[in-house]
N, C-alpha and C. Protein backbone atom coordinates (compact mmCIF):
# COMPACT_ATOMS: atom_id res chain seq x y z
N MET A 1 220.83 189.10 36.97
CA MET A 1 222.25 189.85 37.12
C MET A 1 223.44 189.19 36.73
N GLU A 2 223.34 188.09 36.46
CA GLU A 2 224.52 187.24 36.12
C GLU A 2 225.11 187.97 34.73
N THR A 3 226.50 187.90 34.58
CA THR A 3 226.98 188.51 33.27
C THR A 3 228.07 187.30 32.98
N PRO A 4 227.85 186.86 31.57
CA PRO A 4 228.85 185.91 30.93
C PRO A 4 230.17 185.98 31.15
N ASP A 5 230.58 187.13 31.21
CA ASP A 5 232.02 187.47 30.83
C ASP A 5 232.66 187.44 32.34
N LEU A 6 231.76 187.55 33.48
CA LEU A 6 232.42 187.61 34.82
C LEU A 6 233.13 186.49 35.36
N ASP A 7 234.16 186.40 36.24
CA ASP A 7 234.93 185.38 36.68
C ASP A 7 234.17 185.02 37.56
N PRO A 8 234.50 183.26 38.24
CA PRO A 8 233.80 182.97 39.38
C PRO A 8 233.47 183.85 40.62
N ARG A 9 234.71 184.70 40.96
CA ARG A 9 234.58 185.13 41.95
C ARG A 9 233.61 186.41 41.92
N GLN A 10 233.71 187.04 40.71
CA GLN A 10 232.84 188.12 40.37
C GLN A 10 231.40 187.52 40.56
N ARG A 11 231.05 186.75 39.90
CA ARG A 11 229.95 186.15 39.87
C ARG A 11 229.47 185.71 41.52
N ARG A 12 230.21 185.34 42.13
CA ARG A 12 229.91 184.99 43.49
C ARG A 12 229.57 186.37 44.31
N THR A 13 230.07 187.22 44.14
CA THR A 13 230.00 188.51 44.90
C THR A 13 228.75 189.23 44.35
N ARG A 14 228.27 189.09 43.09
CA ARG A 14 227.03 189.60 42.39
C ARG A 14 225.75 188.75 42.94
N ARG A 15 226.27 187.53 43.27
CA ARG A 15 225.13 186.59 43.92
C ARG A 15 224.91 186.93 45.41
N VAL A 16 226.01 187.18 46.14
CA VAL A 16 225.90 187.81 47.42
C VAL A 16 225.20 188.93 47.65
N LEU A 17 225.67 189.79 46.53
CA LEU A 17 225.01 191.20 46.62
C LEU A 17 223.27 191.09 46.61
N ALA A 18 223.11 190.31 45.40
CA ALA A 18 221.55 190.17 45.35
C ALA A 18 220.63 189.56 46.34
N GLU A 19 221.37 188.65 47.01
CA GLU A 19 220.72 188.16 48.17
C GLU A 19 220.66 189.07 49.28
N ALA A 20 221.65 189.60 49.38
CA ALA A 20 221.77 190.70 50.48
C ALA A 20 220.63 191.97 50.27
N ILE A 21 220.47 192.29 49.10
CA ILE A 21 219.76 193.56 48.78
C ILE A 21 218.31 193.23 49.02
N LEU A 22 217.93 191.98 48.63
CA LEU A 22 216.54 191.17 48.66
C LEU A 22 216.19 191.16 50.01
N ARG A 23 217.13 190.92 50.92
CA ARG A 23 216.84 190.86 52.46
C ARG A 23 216.48 192.20 52.90
N LEU A 24 217.42 192.88 52.61
CA LEU A 24 217.38 194.23 53.33
C LEU A 24 216.06 195.01 52.79
N ALA A 25 215.71 195.05 51.48
CA ALA A 25 214.75 195.84 50.86
C ALA A 25 213.24 194.90 51.41
N ALA A 26 213.49 193.77 51.50
CA ALA A 26 212.07 193.10 52.33
C ALA A 26 211.81 193.80 53.70
N ASP A 27 212.67 194.39 54.32
CA ASP A 27 212.65 194.83 55.79
C ASP A 27 212.30 196.23 55.70
N ARG A 28 212.46 197.10 54.95
CA ARG A 28 212.29 198.31 54.94
C ARG A 28 212.64 199.08 53.65
N PRO A 29 212.21 200.26 53.33
CA PRO A 29 212.38 200.83 51.80
C PRO A 29 213.75 201.18 51.44
N VAL A 30 213.96 200.58 50.15
CA VAL A 30 215.48 200.52 49.74
C VAL A 30 216.12 201.94 50.17
N ALA A 31 215.29 203.13 49.69
CA ALA A 31 215.87 204.15 49.92
C ALA A 31 216.79 204.48 51.50
N GLU A 32 216.35 203.59 52.38
CA GLU A 32 216.74 203.80 53.70
C GLU A 32 217.71 202.86 53.97
N VAL A 33 218.25 202.22 52.94
CA VAL A 33 219.31 201.00 53.08
C VAL A 33 220.58 201.58 52.71
N THR A 34 221.50 201.79 53.48
CA THR A 34 222.82 202.42 53.14
C THR A 34 223.87 201.34 52.77
N THR A 35 224.97 202.27 51.97
CA THR A 35 226.04 201.16 51.47
C THR A 35 226.61 200.36 52.44
N ALA A 36 226.90 201.23 53.52
CA ALA A 36 227.63 200.23 54.75
C ALA A 36 226.81 199.09 55.23
N GLU A 37 225.38 199.24 55.44
CA GLU A 37 224.62 198.28 55.82
C GLU A 37 224.44 196.98 54.82
N LEU A 38 224.46 197.34 53.44
CA LEU A 38 224.43 196.58 52.33
C LEU A 38 226.01 195.56 52.47
N ALA A 39 227.01 196.23 52.80
CA ALA A 39 228.34 195.74 53.00
C ALA A 39 228.19 194.34 53.81
N ARG A 40 227.77 195.01 54.94
CA ARG A 40 227.73 194.20 56.34
C ARG A 40 226.80 192.92 55.93
N ALA A 41 225.95 193.19 55.31
CA ALA A 41 225.03 192.14 55.28
C ALA A 41 225.50 191.01 54.05
N ALA A 42 225.90 191.38 53.16
CA ALA A 42 226.88 191.01 52.65
C ALA A 42 228.31 190.09 52.68
N GLN A 43 228.66 190.89 53.64
CA GLN A 43 230.07 190.31 54.52
C GLN A 43 231.17 190.84 53.19
N LEU A 44 230.76 192.03 52.58
CA LEU A 44 232.10 192.44 51.51
C LEU A 44 232.63 193.66 52.40
N HIS A 45 233.56 193.97 51.83
CA HIS A 45 234.11 195.33 52.18
C HIS A 45 233.51 196.33 51.32
N ARG A 46 233.46 197.66 51.83
CA ARG A 46 232.74 198.57 51.23
C ARG A 46 233.60 199.06 49.90
N THR A 47 234.62 198.81 49.71
CA THR A 47 235.52 199.25 48.12
C THR A 47 234.99 198.19 47.27
N THR A 48 234.79 197.00 47.71
CA THR A 48 234.50 196.00 46.84
C THR A 48 232.81 196.30 46.26
N LEU A 49 232.21 196.84 47.07
CA LEU A 49 230.66 197.24 46.62
C LEU A 49 230.48 198.17 45.68
N TYR A 50 231.69 199.17 45.63
CA TYR A 50 231.20 200.30 44.60
C TYR A 50 232.08 199.86 43.42
N GLN A 51 232.63 198.49 43.16
CA GLN A 51 232.99 198.32 41.95
C GLN A 51 231.69 197.45 41.38
N HIS A 52 230.60 197.29 41.81
CA HIS A 52 229.45 196.67 41.51
C HIS A 52 228.07 197.25 41.54
N LEU A 53 228.09 198.66 42.31
CA LEU A 53 226.84 198.97 42.20
C LEU A 53 227.15 200.94 42.55
N SER A 54 226.07 201.55 41.90
CA SER A 54 226.05 203.12 42.33
C SER A 54 225.28 203.31 43.43
N SER A 55 224.29 202.53 44.05
CA SER A 55 223.45 202.74 45.16
C SER A 55 222.85 201.36 45.40
N PRO A 56 222.16 201.20 46.48
CA PRO A 56 221.43 199.96 47.11
C PRO A 56 219.96 199.89 46.40
N ALA A 57 219.59 201.17 45.83
CA ALA A 57 218.36 201.25 44.93
C ALA A 57 218.72 200.95 43.72
N GLU A 58 219.61 200.89 43.27
CA GLU A 58 220.04 200.82 41.84
C GLU A 58 220.36 199.40 41.68
N LEU A 59 221.14 198.53 42.63
CA LEU A 59 221.12 197.37 42.97
C LEU A 59 219.98 196.70 42.86
N LEU A 60 218.97 197.01 43.53
CA LEU A 60 217.61 196.38 43.85
C LEU A 60 217.01 196.17 42.65
N ALA A 61 216.88 197.41 41.84
CA ALA A 61 216.48 197.26 40.55
C ALA A 61 217.04 196.42 39.58
N ASP A 62 218.41 196.33 39.40
CA ASP A 62 219.17 195.30 38.70
C ASP A 62 218.99 194.08 38.80
N VAL A 63 219.00 193.74 40.33
CA VAL A 63 218.58 192.50 40.32
C VAL A 63 217.15 191.71 40.04
N LEU A 64 216.42 192.72 40.48
CA LEU A 64 214.59 192.52 39.86
C LEU A 64 214.74 192.28 38.47
N ARG A 65 215.43 193.34 37.77
CA ARG A 65 215.32 193.60 36.49
C ARG A 65 216.17 192.28 35.73
N GLY A 66 217.17 191.62 36.24
CA GLY A 66 217.68 190.29 35.72
C GLY A 66 216.70 188.93 35.87
N GLU A 67 215.89 188.83 36.76
CA GLU A 67 215.11 188.05 36.77
C GLU A 67 213.74 188.33 35.75
N LEU A 68 213.41 189.67 35.67
CA LEU A 68 212.29 189.82 34.55
C LEU A 68 212.95 189.37 33.45
N ASP A 69 214.42 189.70 32.97
CA ASP A 69 214.82 189.34 31.48
C ASP A 69 214.75 188.04 31.56
N GLU A 70 215.09 187.02 32.66
CA GLU A 70 214.95 185.65 32.24
C GLU A 70 213.30 185.27 31.87
N VAL A 71 212.45 185.78 32.49
CA VAL A 71 211.20 185.61 32.17
C VAL A 71 210.77 186.22 30.91
N ARG A 72 211.17 187.12 30.28
CA ARG A 72 211.01 187.44 29.26
C ARG A 72 211.51 186.90 28.06
N GLY A 73 212.83 186.29 28.52
CA GLY A 73 213.86 185.29 27.37
C GLY A 73 213.14 184.08 27.33
N THR A 74 212.41 183.50 28.27
CA THR A 74 211.79 182.24 28.43
C THR A 74 210.64 182.09 27.83
N HIS A 75 209.46 182.99 27.83
CA HIS A 75 208.25 183.18 27.26
C HIS A 75 208.07 183.98 26.08
N LEU A 76 208.81 184.92 25.49
CA LEU A 76 208.62 185.67 24.61
C LEU A 76 209.50 185.19 23.33
N ALA A 77 210.00 183.97 23.63
CA ALA A 77 211.09 183.45 22.06
C ALA A 77 210.16 182.58 21.39
N LEU A 78 209.07 182.69 21.38
CA LEU A 78 207.99 182.06 20.49
C LEU A 78 207.98 183.13 19.42
N GLY A 79 208.43 182.60 18.11
CA GLY A 79 208.94 183.27 17.36
C GLY A 79 207.67 183.79 16.09
N THR A 80 206.67 182.80 16.21
CA THR A 80 205.69 182.95 15.19
C THR A 80 204.10 183.84 15.79
N ASP A 81 203.25 184.11 14.59
CA ASP A 81 202.49 184.99 15.11
C ASP A 81 201.52 184.39 16.20
N SER A 82 200.98 182.90 15.71
CA SER A 82 200.06 182.07 16.03
C SER A 82 200.22 181.89 17.63
N ASP A 83 201.83 182.03 17.88
CA ASP A 83 201.94 181.88 19.23
C ASP A 83 201.86 182.60 20.15
N LEU A 84 201.65 184.02 19.42
CA LEU A 84 201.70 185.33 20.38
C LEU A 84 200.81 185.19 21.95
N SER A 85 199.20 184.84 21.52
CA SER A 85 198.59 184.67 22.75
C SER A 85 199.11 183.78 23.98
N THR A 86 199.67 182.87 23.35
CA THR A 86 200.24 181.81 24.22
C THR A 86 201.41 182.14 25.08
N ALA A 87 202.13 182.86 24.27
CA ALA A 87 203.72 183.52 24.84
C ALA A 87 203.02 184.56 25.70
N MET A 88 202.14 185.56 25.45
CA MET A 88 201.65 186.65 26.55
C MET A 88 201.11 185.78 27.63
N ARG A 89 200.41 184.99 27.49
CA ARG A 89 199.79 184.22 28.72
C ARG A 89 200.85 183.73 29.50
N GLY A 90 201.66 183.01 28.92
CA GLY A 90 203.16 182.65 29.81
C GLY A 90 203.68 183.82 30.38
N VAL A 91 204.00 184.84 29.64
CA VAL A 91 204.93 185.83 30.28
C VAL A 91 204.16 186.47 31.53
N VAL A 92 202.85 186.97 31.25
CA VAL A 92 202.28 187.42 32.37
C VAL A 92 201.85 186.71 33.41
N LEU A 93 201.53 185.46 33.30
CA LEU A 93 201.65 184.48 34.51
C LEU A 93 203.07 184.44 35.22
N ALA A 94 204.05 184.61 34.55
CA ALA A 94 205.33 184.30 35.10
C ALA A 94 205.91 185.62 35.72
N VAL A 95 205.18 187.02 35.01
CA VAL A 95 205.80 187.98 35.76
C VAL A 95 204.87 188.27 37.15
N LEU A 96 203.57 187.83 37.03
CA LEU A 96 202.85 187.92 38.54
C LEU A 96 203.56 187.02 39.58
N ALA A 97 203.91 185.80 38.88
CA ALA A 97 204.61 185.00 39.93
C ALA A 97 205.95 185.53 40.54
N HIS A 98 206.51 186.22 39.81
CA HIS A 98 207.78 187.12 39.81
C HIS A 98 207.25 188.28 40.98
N LEU A 99 206.55 189.08 40.82
CA LEU A 99 205.88 190.12 41.79
C LEU A 99 205.31 189.30 43.10
N GLU A 100 204.84 188.19 42.96
CA GLU A 100 204.45 187.80 44.34
C GLU A 100 205.65 187.22 45.24
N ALA A 101 206.38 186.51 44.54
CA ALA A 101 207.75 185.92 45.03
C ALA A 101 208.49 187.55 46.02
N HIS A 102 208.45 188.50 45.28
CA HIS A 102 208.99 189.69 45.88
C HIS A 102 207.82 190.60 46.45
N ALA A 103 206.72 190.31 46.99
CA ALA A 103 205.64 190.94 47.15
C ALA A 103 205.92 192.20 48.12
N THR A 104 206.45 191.80 49.36
CA THR A 104 206.58 192.96 50.04
C THR A 104 207.41 194.00 49.67
N ILE A 105 208.53 193.65 48.88
CA ILE A 105 209.53 194.76 48.21
C ILE A 105 208.49 195.53 47.07
N TYR A 106 207.93 194.74 46.22
CA TYR A 106 207.19 195.58 45.26
C TYR A 106 206.04 196.48 45.77
N ARG A 107 205.42 195.77 46.66
CA ARG A 107 204.13 196.52 47.32
C ARG A 107 204.69 198.00 47.60
N ARG A 108 205.72 198.00 48.53
CA ARG A 108 206.32 199.13 49.28
C ARG A 108 206.91 200.06 47.95
N GLU A 109 207.69 199.59 47.14
CA GLU A 109 208.22 200.17 46.26
C GLU A 109 207.42 200.95 45.30
N LEU A 110 206.69 200.29 44.73
CA LEU A 110 205.74 200.89 43.69
C LEU A 110 204.70 201.65 44.23
N ALA A 111 204.62 201.98 45.63
CA ALA A 111 203.64 202.79 46.21
C ALA A 111 204.48 204.33 46.00
N SER A 112 205.53 204.52 45.37
CA SER A 112 206.26 205.76 45.13
C SER A 112 206.83 205.80 43.72
N PRO A 113 206.10 206.73 42.94
CA PRO A 113 206.49 206.94 41.64
C PRO A 113 207.91 207.23 41.40
N GLN A 114 208.77 207.67 42.23
CA GLN A 114 210.03 208.18 42.16
C GLN A 114 210.98 206.77 42.42
N SER A 115 210.44 205.61 42.97
CA SER A 115 211.29 204.60 43.32
C SER A 115 211.81 204.29 41.90
N PRO A 116 213.38 203.69 42.05
CA PRO A 116 214.05 203.25 40.71
C PRO A 116 213.08 201.77 40.59
N VAL A 117 212.62 201.17 41.33
CA VAL A 117 211.84 200.01 41.14
C VAL A 117 210.81 200.11 40.15
N ALA A 118 209.83 201.09 40.39
CA ALA A 118 208.98 201.68 39.39
C ALA A 118 209.18 201.72 38.05
N ALA A 119 210.46 202.48 38.00
CA ALA A 119 210.81 202.96 36.85
C ALA A 119 211.23 202.02 36.07
N MET A 120 211.90 200.94 36.72
CA MET A 120 212.47 199.58 36.09
C MET A 120 211.14 199.00 35.69
N LEU A 121 210.41 198.55 36.05
CA LEU A 121 209.27 198.01 35.68
C LEU A 121 208.82 198.42 34.63
N GLY A 122 208.51 199.55 34.59
CA GLY A 122 207.72 200.30 33.55
C GLY A 122 208.65 200.26 32.19
N ALA A 123 209.91 200.69 32.47
CA ALA A 123 210.80 200.39 31.32
C ALA A 123 210.94 198.88 30.73
N HIS A 124 210.81 197.91 31.81
CA HIS A 124 211.08 196.64 31.08
C HIS A 124 209.92 196.26 30.33
N PHE A 125 208.62 196.65 30.82
CA PHE A 125 207.29 196.22 30.16
C PHE A 125 207.19 197.22 28.81
N ALA A 126 207.83 198.16 28.67
CA ALA A 126 207.83 199.02 27.72
C ALA A 126 208.68 198.64 26.51
N ALA A 127 209.78 197.96 26.99
CA ALA A 127 210.71 197.39 26.05
C ALA A 127 210.24 196.00 25.34
N SER A 128 209.58 195.44 26.26
CA SER A 128 209.14 194.15 25.79
C SER A 128 208.04 194.32 24.71
N ALA A 129 206.96 195.32 25.21
CA ALA A 129 205.93 195.55 24.11
C ALA A 129 206.49 196.30 22.91
N ARG A 130 207.34 196.89 22.84
CA ARG A 130 208.35 197.44 21.76
C ARG A 130 208.50 196.50 20.79
N THR A 131 209.34 195.41 21.53
CA THR A 131 209.75 194.32 20.64
C THR A 131 208.79 193.70 20.17
N LEU A 132 207.65 193.30 20.90
CA LEU A 132 206.27 192.59 20.11
C LEU A 132 205.80 193.41 18.97
N ILE A 133 205.88 194.49 19.07
CA ILE A 133 205.24 195.68 17.92
C ILE A 133 205.77 195.49 17.24
N GLU A 134 207.18 195.56 16.94
CA GLU A 134 207.98 195.71 15.90
C GLU A 134 208.28 194.45 15.15
N ASN A 135 208.58 193.40 15.89
CA ASN A 135 208.82 192.06 15.27
C ASN A 135 207.51 191.45 14.68
N HIS A 136 206.37 191.77 15.30
CA HIS A 136 204.99 191.21 14.80
C HIS A 136 204.08 192.16 14.03
N HIS A 137 204.65 193.30 13.57
CA HIS A 137 203.96 194.48 13.06
C HIS A 137 202.65 194.56 13.57
N LEU A 138 202.63 194.49 14.83
CA LEU A 138 201.29 194.56 15.62
C LEU A 138 200.64 196.28 15.30
N GLY A 139 199.73 196.45 15.38
CA GLY A 139 198.81 198.03 15.19
C GLY A 139 197.39 197.61 14.61
N PRO A 140 196.83 198.90 14.97
CA PRO A 140 195.44 199.16 14.18
C PRO A 140 195.60 199.27 12.94
N PRO A 141 194.84 198.54 11.96
CA PRO A 141 194.88 198.82 10.60
C PRO A 141 194.28 200.27 10.15
N GLY A 142 195.19 200.79 9.18
CA GLY A 142 194.84 202.09 8.66
C GLY A 142 195.13 203.05 9.44
N LEU A 143 195.89 203.18 10.63
CA LEU A 143 196.16 204.13 11.44
C LEU A 143 196.72 205.21 10.87
N ASP A 144 196.40 206.35 10.68
CA ASP A 144 197.10 207.64 10.29
C ASP A 144 197.91 208.72 10.99
N VAL A 145 198.78 207.72 11.50
CA VAL A 145 199.95 208.24 12.64
C VAL A 145 201.36 207.37 11.99
N PRO A 146 202.40 208.34 12.10
CA PRO A 146 203.51 207.85 11.63
C PRO A 146 204.02 206.63 12.58
N ARG A 147 204.76 205.78 11.97
CA ARG A 147 204.79 204.42 12.36
C ARG A 147 205.75 204.30 13.63
N ASP A 148 206.81 205.25 13.54
CA ASP A 148 207.74 205.29 14.75
C ASP A 148 207.11 205.97 16.01
N LEU A 149 206.41 206.87 15.79
CA LEU A 149 205.57 207.65 16.98
C LEU A 149 204.61 206.72 17.40
N PHE A 150 203.82 205.87 16.51
CA PHE A 150 203.04 204.86 17.03
C PHE A 150 203.69 203.87 18.00
N VAL A 151 204.65 203.31 17.53
CA VAL A 151 205.42 202.26 18.27
C VAL A 151 205.90 202.78 19.81
N SER A 152 206.18 203.75 19.80
CA SER A 152 207.02 204.66 21.05
C SER A 152 205.62 204.83 21.99
N VAL A 153 204.79 205.52 21.38
CA VAL A 153 203.54 205.62 22.34
C VAL A 153 203.11 204.36 22.70
N ALA A 154 202.72 203.39 22.01
CA ALA A 154 201.81 202.20 22.11
C ALA A 154 202.74 201.56 23.29
N ALA A 155 204.00 201.24 23.18
CA ALA A 155 204.99 200.85 24.12
C ALA A 155 204.93 201.32 25.38
N ARG A 156 205.27 202.60 25.29
CA ARG A 156 205.11 203.33 26.79
C ARG A 156 203.72 203.03 27.42
N TRP A 157 202.58 203.48 26.42
CA TRP A 157 201.14 203.04 27.12
C TRP A 157 201.07 201.77 27.66
N ILE A 158 201.37 200.73 27.09
CA ILE A 158 201.02 199.37 27.45
C ILE A 158 202.32 198.92 28.78
N GLY A 159 203.54 199.70 28.54
CA GLY A 159 204.39 199.22 29.78
C GLY A 159 203.58 200.15 31.03
N ASP A 160 202.98 201.18 31.00
CA ASP A 160 202.80 202.06 31.97
C ASP A 160 201.42 201.29 32.61
N ALA A 161 200.63 201.02 31.66
CA ALA A 161 199.12 200.46 32.24
C ALA A 161 199.27 199.09 32.81
N SER A 162 200.52 198.48 32.37
CA SER A 162 200.80 197.27 33.19
C SER A 162 200.92 197.34 34.36
N VAL A 163 202.03 198.14 34.69
CA VAL A 163 202.46 198.52 35.94
C VAL A 163 201.45 198.91 36.77
N GLY A 164 200.63 199.81 36.48
CA GLY A 164 199.29 200.22 37.12
C GLY A 164 198.61 199.18 37.45
N ALA A 165 198.18 198.28 36.52
CA ALA A 165 197.08 197.05 36.49
C ALA A 165 197.71 196.47 37.79
N MET A 166 199.28 195.81 37.69
CA MET A 166 199.52 194.70 38.37
C MET A 166 200.12 195.33 39.71
N THR A 167 200.30 196.62 40.13
CA THR A 167 200.34 197.49 41.44
C THR A 167 199.00 197.28 41.77
N VAL A 168 197.88 197.36 41.27
CA VAL A 168 196.38 197.30 41.97
C VAL A 168 196.08 195.87 42.53
N TRP A 169 196.52 194.95 41.46
CA TRP A 169 196.42 193.45 41.77
C TRP A 169 197.33 193.06 42.93
N LEU A 170 198.35 193.58 42.95
CA LEU A 170 199.26 192.98 44.08
C LEU A 170 198.91 193.40 45.45
N GLN A 171 198.37 194.72 45.36
CA GLN A 171 197.88 195.05 46.77
C GLN A 171 196.68 194.42 47.39
N GLN A 172 196.10 193.65 46.60
CA GLN A 172 195.06 192.70 46.96
C GLN A 172 195.61 191.87 48.11
N ASP A 173 194.86 191.14 49.12
CA ASP A 173 195.20 190.08 49.78
C ASP A 173 195.44 188.90 49.20
N ALA A 174 196.32 188.18 50.08
CA ALA A 174 196.71 186.80 49.28
C ALA A 174 195.67 186.12 49.96
N PRO A 175 195.23 184.80 49.11
CA PRO A 175 195.86 184.60 47.81
C PRO A 175 195.29 185.41 46.91
N ARG A 176 195.95 185.63 45.96
CA ARG A 176 195.57 186.24 44.53
C ARG A 176 195.33 185.22 43.46
N ASP A 177 194.19 185.42 42.88
CA ASP A 177 194.11 184.80 41.65
C ASP A 177 194.68 185.17 40.30
N ARG A 178 195.56 184.58 39.85
CA ARG A 178 196.29 185.12 38.56
C ARG A 178 195.09 185.07 37.53
N GLU A 179 194.27 183.65 37.46
CA GLU A 179 193.47 183.64 36.34
C GLU A 179 192.37 185.10 36.25
N VAL A 180 192.15 185.39 37.37
CA VAL A 180 191.48 186.50 37.41
C VAL A 180 192.13 187.85 36.93
N TYR A 181 193.33 188.01 37.19
CA TYR A 181 193.82 189.23 36.79
C TYR A 181 194.13 189.07 35.08
N LEU A 182 194.44 187.56 34.66
CA LEU A 182 194.58 187.97 33.30
C LEU A 182 193.15 188.00 32.56
N ARG A 183 192.05 187.56 33.14
CA ARG A 183 190.81 188.19 32.24
C ARG A 183 190.51 189.74 32.48
N ALA A 184 191.09 190.16 33.38
CA ALA A 184 190.55 191.63 33.83
C ALA A 184 191.54 192.52 32.79
N HIS A 185 192.91 191.96 33.05
CA HIS A 185 194.05 192.49 31.71
C HIS A 185 193.68 192.50 30.38
N ALA A 186 193.11 191.28 30.21
CA ALA A 186 192.71 190.93 28.66
C ALA A 186 191.66 192.04 28.07
N ALA A 187 190.68 192.13 29.18
CA ALA A 187 189.36 192.90 28.86
C ALA A 187 190.00 194.28 28.35
N LEU A 188 190.90 194.86 28.94
CA LEU A 188 191.38 196.26 29.02
C LEU A 188 192.12 196.64 27.65
N LEU A 189 192.81 195.48 26.93
CA LEU A 189 193.82 195.63 26.05
C LEU A 189 192.95 195.99 24.74
N PRO A 190 193.84 196.61 23.68
CA PRO A 190 193.04 196.70 22.46
C PRO A 190 193.28 195.60 21.60
N GLU A 191 192.15 195.62 20.72
CA GLU A 191 192.14 194.50 20.04
C GLU A 191 193.15 193.99 19.14
N TRP A 192 193.87 194.81 18.66
CA TRP A 192 195.39 194.33 17.88
C TRP A 192 196.41 193.71 18.70
N TRP A 193 196.07 193.83 20.03
CA TRP A 193 197.15 193.37 20.91
C TRP A 193 196.92 191.88 21.30
N PRO A 194 197.86 191.10 21.26
CA PRO A 194 197.77 189.44 21.60
C PRO A 194 197.10 189.55 23.16
N SER A 195 195.89 188.71 23.23
CA SER A 195 195.52 188.89 24.58
C SER A 195 196.31 187.62 25.54
N PRO A 196 196.57 188.00 26.69
CA PRO A 196 197.08 186.91 27.89
C PRO A 196 195.88 186.47 28.26
N GLY A 197 194.73 186.40 28.01
CA GLY A 197 193.29 185.60 28.37
C GLY A 197 193.22 184.85 27.41
N ALA A 198 193.98 184.53 26.36
CA ALA A 198 193.55 183.86 25.12
C ALA A 198 194.48 182.56 25.22
N GLY A 199 194.33 181.54 24.42
CA GLY A 199 194.93 180.58 24.51
C GLY A 199 194.17 179.09 24.99
N PRO A 200 194.72 177.84 24.70
CA PRO A 200 194.12 176.78 25.02
C PRO A 200 193.88 176.39 26.50
N ALA A 201 194.86 177.14 27.32
CA ALA A 201 194.92 176.76 28.95
C ALA A 201 193.83 177.84 29.69
N ALA A 202 193.43 178.95 28.80
CA ALA A 202 192.59 180.11 29.47
C ALA A 202 191.53 179.61 29.94
N SER A 203 190.85 179.84 30.84
CA SER A 203 189.34 179.70 31.42
C SER A 203 188.45 180.88 30.88
N ALA A 204 189.05 182.05 30.36
CA ALA A 204 188.28 182.86 29.56
C ALA A 204 189.07 183.73 28.73
N ALA A 205 188.28 184.49 27.65
CA ALA A 205 189.20 184.91 26.94
C ALA A 205 188.68 186.82 27.43
C-alpha cells in the first residue's frame, strides 16, 4: 500500500488505515464496516479518509494487494527460464503464508464471489500468470490458437483456478501443510507451466 511519492504524513495515514481495516475485517465481513467505524478505528477525521479510499472494502483489497505485490516482486524477479520452477515454488509458498496470516479475512471474503477481495486475488494471480507466459514464451507447442487469445485465456484460467484451489486449502483446519498443497497444485497444472512442486527443496514433484 506504500507509495514512493507520498510524504511522511501521507505514508503514516496509509499505514494507520491499513492496520485499522485489517483489524475490523478480521472481526466481521468488510461489507459491514462503515467509513465512520474505520475513521474511529484509525483515529482519523472522515474527511481525511475520503482522500485515501472509496470504501472500506476497496481499502481492504488494496492493502492485501500491496502485500501480494511485494511477494510477486520478491519471488518472480528471477529472470532465466531455468529458475522458473524455483521462483514458482517460492511465490506459491509465500502466497500461502500471506493467506494464513490473514486467514480469518480470506476465509470469510473468499466465500463470496462478489467480494472485492476475491476479485482482487483472481486478478492478481492472472496478472502474474500473464507476465510469466509473455516473458518466458510459455505454452504448448503447435497450438493452433492466436497467441494473444491464448495468453488471455491461459492467464485467466490459471488465476481463477489458483484462487479456487487456495480457497479449498484455506478452509482446512490448521495446521495446514503447505507442501501437500504444492504437490496437489503441481499435479493439476499443464505440462508447459513451471511446476511449484519442482525444485531442489521440493519433496515431490
